[in-house]
Amino acid sequence: MAEGKILIHPTEGIWGIGCDALNKESFLRIYDLKKRPKNKSFILLIDSLDTISKYINKLSVEELNFIDTVWPGPTTLLIDYDEKLPEHLQNASGKIALRVSNHYPIKALLETFSGIMVSTSANISGQENLNNIDEIMSVFNESDVAYFDDKLGNNNKPSRIIDLHTRAVIRD
């Protein structure tokens, strides 16, 4: 992800494609590679809440306690952001989708990178998830795309998504 690279990487259950979320060019490049509508947000991977704390609204004790029950793990939380969040990461909902993973390859990647990482399924938007890394690399055969060779987790579906404020389950 250094120098604006795009990274194909393993997640808890599917192959992901990601980049440094704070690099606007790389962030927008993911939309182009996936042919994804710009009004659809991405999940952001972080190593801890501290990594994103300057960009989100203050959380209540109840919200922090809830977070402790699902992180680290395969749960993505929609969390209200404040005006300090870079504009390219903002959306109409006023929330960002965040996950602290317990999948070792992601933890190791974030430990090395120590930033905020975009993560979305490694496929063309609206098409089936791709499970074969050779097929993924042929679809995303671009000079700015690299491959992080490690193992997928055992989950057989994308992460669960919960709105932190309402506790509504958006995707299970």
C-alpha atoms as a PDB file:
ATOM      1  CA  MET A   1       0.000   0.000   0.000  1.00  0.00           C
ATOM      2  CA  ALA A   2       3.062   2.168   0.161  1.00  0.00           C
ATOM      3  CA  GLU A   3       3.407   4.642  -2.676  1.00  0.00           C
ATOM      4  CA  GLY A   4      -0.282   4.370  -3.568  1.00  0.00           C
ATOM      5  CA  LYS A   5      -0.285   0.663  -4.401  1.00  0.00           C
ATOM      6  CA  ILE A   6      -3.506  -1.325  -4.452  1.00  0.00           C
ATOM      7  CA  LEU A   7      -3.342  -4.617  -2.540  1.00  0.00           C
ATOM      8  CA  ILE A   8      -5.174  -7.892  -3.093  1.00  0.00           C
ATOM      9  CA  HIS A   9      -5.352  -9.426   0.398  1.00  0.00           C
ATOM     10  CA  PRO A  10      -6.982 -12.262   2.331  1.00  0.00           C
ATOM     11  CA  THR A  11      -9.756 -11.450   4.808  1.00  0.00           C
ATOM     12  CA  GLU A  12     -11.744 -13.561   7.237  1.00  0.00           C
ATOM     13  CA  GLY A  13     -13.663 -15.188   4.406  1.00  0.00           C
ATOM     14  CA  ILE A  14     -13.138 -13.641   0.970  1.00  0.00           C
ATOM     15  CA  TRP A  15     -10.337 -12.034  -1.010  1.00  0.00           C
ATOM     16  CA  GLY A  16     -10.253  -8.280  -0.613  1.00  0.00           C
ATOM     17  CA  ILE A  17      -8.842  -5.410  -2.573  1.00  0.00           C
ATOM     18  CA  GLY A  18      -7.664  -2.394  -0.635  1.00  0.00           C
ATOM     19  CA  CYS A  19      -5.381   0.576  -0.251  1.00  0.00           C
ATOM     20  CA  ASP A  20      -4.325   3.314   2.132  1.00  0.00           C
ATOM     21  CA  ALA A  21      -7.690   4.962   2.854  1.00  0.00           C
ATOM     22  CA  LEU A  22      -6.068   8.356   3.394  1.00  0.00           C
ATOM     23  CA  ASN A  23      -4.519   8.291  -0.096  1.00  0.00           C
ATOM     24  CA  LYS A  24      -7.307   9.858  -2.172  1.00  0.00           C
ATOM     25  CA  GLU A  25      -5.841   8.759  -5.535  1.00  0.00           C
ATOM     26  CA  SER A  26      -5.589   5.116  -4.439  1.00  0.00           C
ATOM     27  CA  PHE A  27      -9.036   5.293  -2.854  1.00  0.00           C
ATOM     28  CA  LEU A  28     -10.576   6.527  -6.117  1.00  0.00           C
ATOM     29  CA  ARG A  29      -8.555   3.964  -8.087  1.00  0.00           C
ATOM     30  CA  ILE A  30     -10.358   1.136  -6.269  1.00  0.00           C
ATOM     31  CA  TYR A  31     -13.678   2.496  -7.595  1.00  0.00           C
ATOM     32  CA  ASP A  32     -12.256   2.448 -11.135  1.00  0.00           C
ATOM     33  CA  LEU A  33     -10.782  -1.056 -10.828  1.00  0.00           C
ATOM     34  CA  LYS A  34     -14.024  -2.505  -9.443  1.00  0.00           C
ATOM     35  CA  LYS A  35     -16.265  -0.421 -11.743  1.00  0.00           C
ATOM     36  CA  ARG A  36     -18.120   0.484  -8.561  1.00  0.00           C
ATOM     37  CA  PRO A  37     -20.568   3.395  -8.249  1.00  0.00           C
ATOM     38  CA  LYS A  38     -18.979   6.258  -6.297  1.00  0.00           C
ATOM     39  CA  ASN A  39     -22.002   6.500  -3.985  1.00  0.00           C
ATOM     40  CA  LYS A  40     -21.218   3.084  -2.429  1.00  0.00           C
ATOM     41  CA  SER A  41     -18.839   3.351   0.529  1.00  0.00           C
ATOM     42  CA  PHE A  42     -16.040   0.973   1.474  1.00  0.00           C
ATOM     43  CA  ILE A  43     -15.252  -0.845   4.706  1.00  0.00           C
ATOM     44  CA  LEU A  44     -12.179   0.499   6.471  1.00  0.00           C
ATOM     45  CA  LEU A  45      -9.890  -1.842   8.390  1.00  0.00           C
ATOM     46  CA  ILE A  46      -8.143  -0.476  11.470  1.00  0.00           C
ATOM     47  CA  ASP A  47      -5.927  -2.069  14.096  1.00  0.00           C
ATOM     48  CA  SER A  48      -7.796  -0.347  16.943  1.00  0.00           C
ATOM     49  CA  LEU A  49     -10.308   2.386  17.650  1.00  0.00           C
ATOM     50  CA  ASP A  50      -7.379   4.681  18.514  1.00  0.00           C
ATOM     51  CA  THR A  51      -6.331   4.673  14.842  1.00  0.00           C
ATOM     52  CA  ILE A  52      -9.569   6.397  13.804  1.00  0.00           C
ATOM     53  CA  SER A  53     -10.490   8.263  17.007  1.00  0.00           C
ATOM     54  CA  LYS A  54      -9.641  11.725  15.658  1.00  0.00           C
ATOM     55  CA  TYR A  55     -12.176  11.235  12.842  1.00  0.00           C
ATOM     56  CA  ILE A  56     -15.201   9.909  14.752  1.00  0.00           C
ATOM     57  CA  ASN A  57     -17.664  11.425  17.192  1.00  0.00           C
ATOM     58  CA  LYS A  58     -17.135  10.703  20.876  1.00  0.00           C
ATOM     59  CA  LEU A  59     -18.530   7.318  21.818  1.00  0.00           C
ATOM     60  CA  SER A  60     -20.620   6.590  24.898  1.00  0.00           C
ATOM     61  CA  VAL A  61     -19.569   4.050  27.516  1.00  0.00           C
ATOM     62  CA  GLU A  62     -22.411   1.835  26.295  1.00  0.00           C
ATOM     63  CA  GLU A  63     -21.107   2.009  22.709  1.00  0.00           C
ATOM     64  CA  LEU A  64     -17.541   1.283  23.828  1.00  0.00           C
ATOM     65  CA  ASN A  65     -18.775  -1.711  25.830  1.00  0.00           C
ATOM     66  CA  PHE A  66     -20.641  -3.017  22.781  1.00  0.00           C
ATOM     67  CA  ILE A  67     -17.540  -2.598  20.612  1.00  0.00           C
ATOM     68  CA  ASP A  68     -15.608  -4.736  23.101  1.00  0.00           C
ATOM     69  CA  THR A  69     -18.091  -7.580  22.499  1.00  0.00           C
ATOM     70  CA  VAL A  70     -17.558  -7.693  18.702  1.00  0.00           C
ATOM     71  CA  TRP A  71     -13.957  -6.542  18.120  1.00  0.00           C
ATOM     72  CA  PRO A  72     -11.622  -7.917  17.142  1.00  0.00           C
ATOM     73  CA  GLY A  73     -13.699 -10.096  14.859  1.00  0.00           C
ATOM     74  CA  PRO A  74     -15.649 -10.380  11.610  1.00  0.00           C
ATOM     75  CA  THR A  75     -18.087  -7.585  12.492  1.00  0.00           C
ATOM     76  CA  THR A  76     -18.115  -4.228  10.741  1.00  0.00           C
ATOM     77  CA  LEU A  77     -19.587  -1.302  12.650  1.00  0.00           C
ATOM     78  CA  LEU A  78     -21.159   1.808  11.150  1.00  0.00           C
ATOM     79  CA  ILE A  79     -19.898   4.679  13.293  1.00  0.00           C
ATOM     80  CA  ASP A  80     -20.729   8.396  13.084  1.00  0.00           C
ATOM     81  CA  TYR A  81     -17.797  10.442  11.815  1.00  0.00           C
ATOM     82  CA  ASP A  82     -17.003  14.103  12.401  1.00  0.00           C
ATOM     83  CA  GLU A  83     -15.950  16.859  10.006  1.00  0.00           C
ATOM     84  CA  LYS A  84     -12.233  16.031  10.400  1.00  0.00           C
ATOM     85  CA  LEU A  85     -12.668  12.861   8.321  1.00  0.00           C
ATOM     86  CA  PRO A  86     -11.078  13.450   4.892  1.00  0.00           C
ATOM     87  CA  GLU A  87     -13.762  14.479   2.429  1.00  0.00           C
ATOM     88  CA  HIS A  88     -13.196  11.547   0.053  1.00  0.00           C
ATOM     89  CA  LEU A  89     -14.145   9.147   2.892  1.00  0.00           C
ATOM     90  CA  GLN A  90     -17.357  11.002   3.767  1.00  0.00           C
ATOM     91  CA  ASN A  91     -20.773   9.936   2.505  1.00  0.00           C
ATOM     92  CA  ALA A  92     -24.450  10.881   2.751  1.00  0.00           C
ATOM     93  CA  SER A  93     -25.040   8.627   5.786  1.00  0.00           C
ATOM     94  CA  GLY A  94     -22.582  10.456   8.080  1.00  0.00           C
ATOM     95  CA  LYS A  95     -21.180   7.041   9.104  1.00  0.00           C
ATOM     96  CA  ILE A  96     -18.084   5.085   8.218  1.00  0.00           C
ATOM     97  CA  ALA A  97     -17.865   1.299   8.144  1.00  0.00           C
ATOM     98  CA  LEU A  98     -15.030   0.103  10.406  1.00  0.00           C
ATOM     99  CA  ARG A  99     -13.672  -3.304  11.366  1.00  0.00           C
ATOM    100  CA  VAL A 100     -10.928  -4.501  13.692  1.00  0.00           C
ATOM    101  CA  SER A 101     -10.151  -7.971  12.437  1.00  0.00           C
ATOM    102  CA  ASN A 102      -8.906 -10.966  14.386  1.00  0.00           C
ATOM    103  CA  HIS A 103      -7.624 -12.599  11.177  1.00  0.00           C
ATOM    104  CA  TYR A 104      -3.853 -12.893  11.524  1.00  0.00           C
ATOM    105  CA  PRO A 105      -2.869 -11.759   7.982  1.00  0.00           C
ATOM    106  CA  ILE A 106      -4.929  -8.569   8.353  1.00  0.00           C
ATOM    107  CA  LYS A 107      -3.551  -7.930  11.840  1.00  0.00           C
ATOM    108  CA  ALA A 108       0.014  -8.392  10.550  1.00  0.00           C
ATOM    109  CA  LEU A 109      -0.641  -6.138   7.568  1.00  0.00           C
ATOM    110  CA  LEU A 110      -2.095  -3.368   9.734  1.00  0.00           C
ATOM    111  CA  GLU A 111       0.731  -3.712  12.244  1.00  0.00           C
ATOM    112  CA  THR A 112       3.233  -3.071   9.452  1.00  0.00           C
ATOM    113  CA  PHE A 113       1.147  -0.407   7.714  1.00  0.00           C
ATOM    114  CA  SER A 114      -0.210   1.293  10.886  1.00  0.00           C
ATOM    115  CA  GLY A 115      -2.909   3.237   9.117  1.00  0.00           C
ATOM    116  CA  ILE A 116      -6.462   3.013   7.844  1.00  0.00           C
ATOM    117  CA  MET A 117      -7.020   0.536   5.043  1.00  0.00           C
ATOM    118  CA  VAL A 118      -9.845   0.276   2.524  1.00  0.00           C
ATOM    119  CA  SER A 119     -11.098  -3.284   2.152  1.00  0.00           C
ATOM    120  CA  THR A 120     -13.752  -4.424  -0.285  1.00  0.00           C
ATOM    121  CA  SER A 121     -14.373  -7.658  -2.138  1.00  0.00           C
ATOM    122  CA  ALA A 122     -11.874  -8.402  -4.912  1.00  0.00           C
ATOM    123  CA  ASN A 123     -14.359  -8.583  -7.765  1.00  0.00           C
ATOM    124  CA  ILE A 124     -16.035  -6.354 -10.312  1.00  0.00           C
ATOM    125  CA  SER A 125     -18.929  -4.556  -8.616  1.00  0.00           C
ATOM    126  CA  GLY A 126     -22.188  -6.492  -8.897  1.00  0.00           C
ATOM    127  CA  GLN A 127     -20.498  -9.734  -9.961  1.00  0.00           C
ATOM    128  CA  GLU A 128     -19.865 -12.918  -7.973  1.00  0.00           C
ATOM    129  CA  ASN A 129     -17.007 -12.941  -5.451  1.00  0.00           C
ATOM    130  CA  LEU A 130     -13.851 -14.398  -6.921  1.00  0.00           C
ATOM    131  CA  ASN A 131     -12.260 -17.182  -4.863  1.00  0.00           C
ATOM    132  CA  ASN A 132      -9.311 -18.121  -7.057  1.00  0.00           C
ATOM    133  CA  ILE A 133      -6.279 -15.856  -6.642  1.00  0.00           C
ATOM    134  CA  ASP A 134      -5.076 -16.492 -10.216  1.00  0.00           C
ATOM    135  CA  GLU A 135      -8.457 -15.355 -11.543  1.00  0.00           C
ATOM    136  CA  ILE A 136      -8.414 -12.310  -9.246  1.00  0.00           C
ATOM    137  CA  MET A 137      -4.943 -11.316 -10.403  1.00  0.00           C
ATOM    138  CA  SER A 138      -5.967 -11.677 -14.056  1.00  0.00           C
ATOM    139  CA  VAL A 139      -9.035  -9.461 -13.503  1.00  0.00           C
ATOM    140  CA  PHE A 140      -6.912  -6.871 -11.663  1.00  0.00           C
ATOM    141  CA  ASN A 141      -3.780  -7.259 -13.823  1.00  0.00           C
ATOM    142  CA  GLU A 142      -2.506  -3.706 -13.390  1.00  0.00           C
ATOM    143  CA  SER A 143       0.955  -2.344 -12.564  1.00  0.00           C
ATOM    144  CA  ASP A 144      -0.321  -0.646  -9.387  1.00  0.00           C
ATOM    145  CA  VAL A 145      -1.917  -3.833  -7.978  1.00  0.00           C
ATOM    146  CA  ALA A 146       0.110  -6.085  -5.657  1.00  0.00           C
ATOM    147  CA  TYR A 147      -0.771  -9.391  -3.987  1.00  0.00           C
ATOM    148  CA  PHE A 148      -0.395 -10.215  -0.283  1.00  0.00           C
ATOM    149  CA  ASP A 149       0.085 -13.991  -0.279  1.00  0.00           C
ATOM    150  CA  ASP A 150      -1.473 -15.460   2.833  1.00  0.00           C
ATOM    151  CA  LYS A 151      -4.455 -17.596   3.851  1.00  0.00           C
ATOM    152  CA  LEU A 152      -8.133 -16.748   3.844  1.00  0.00           C
ATOM    153  CA  GLY A 153      -9.993 -17.160   7.104  1.00  0.00           C
ATOM    154  CA  ASN A 154     -12.683 -19.789   7.601  1.00  0.00           C
ATOM    155  CA  ASN A 155     -15.739 -17.548   7.281  1.00  0.00           C
ATOM    156  CA  ASN A 156     -17.877 -18.437   4.298  1.00  0.00           C
ATOM    157  CA  LYS A 157     -19.499 -15.022   3.930  1.00  0.00           C
ATOM    158  CA  PRO A 158     -18.637 -11.312   4.176  1.00  0.00           C
ATOM    159  CA  SER A 159     -18.502  -9.612   7.575  1.00  0.00           C
ATOM    160  CA  ARG A 160     -21.634  -8.820   9.532  1.00  0.00           C
ATOM    161  CA  ILE A 161     -22.479  -5.101   9.523  1.00  0.00           C
ATOM    162  CA  ILE A 162     -24.131  -3.399  12.521  1.00  0.00           C
ATOM    163  CA  ASP A 163     -25.038   0.256  13.036  1.00  0.00           C
ATOM    164  CA  LEU A 164     -23.311   1.081  16.325  1.00  0.00           C
ATOM    165  CA  HIS A 165     -25.810   3.754  17.342  1.00  0.00           C
ATOM    166  CA  THR A 166     -29.053   1.855  16.620  1.00  0.00           C
ATOM    167  CA  ARG A 167     -27.639  -1.713  16.840  1.00  0.00           C
ATOM    168  CA  ALA A 168     -29.563  -2.473  13.634  1.00  0.00           C
ATOM    169  CA  VAL A 169     -28.047  -5.379  11.723  1.00  0.00           C
ATOM    170  CA  ILE A 170     -27.488  -4.168   8.168  1.00  0.00           C
ATOM    171  CA  ARG A 171     -25.926  -7.404   6.874  1.00  0.00           C
ATOM    172  CA  ASP A 172     -25.745 -10.718   8.747  1.00  0.00           C
END
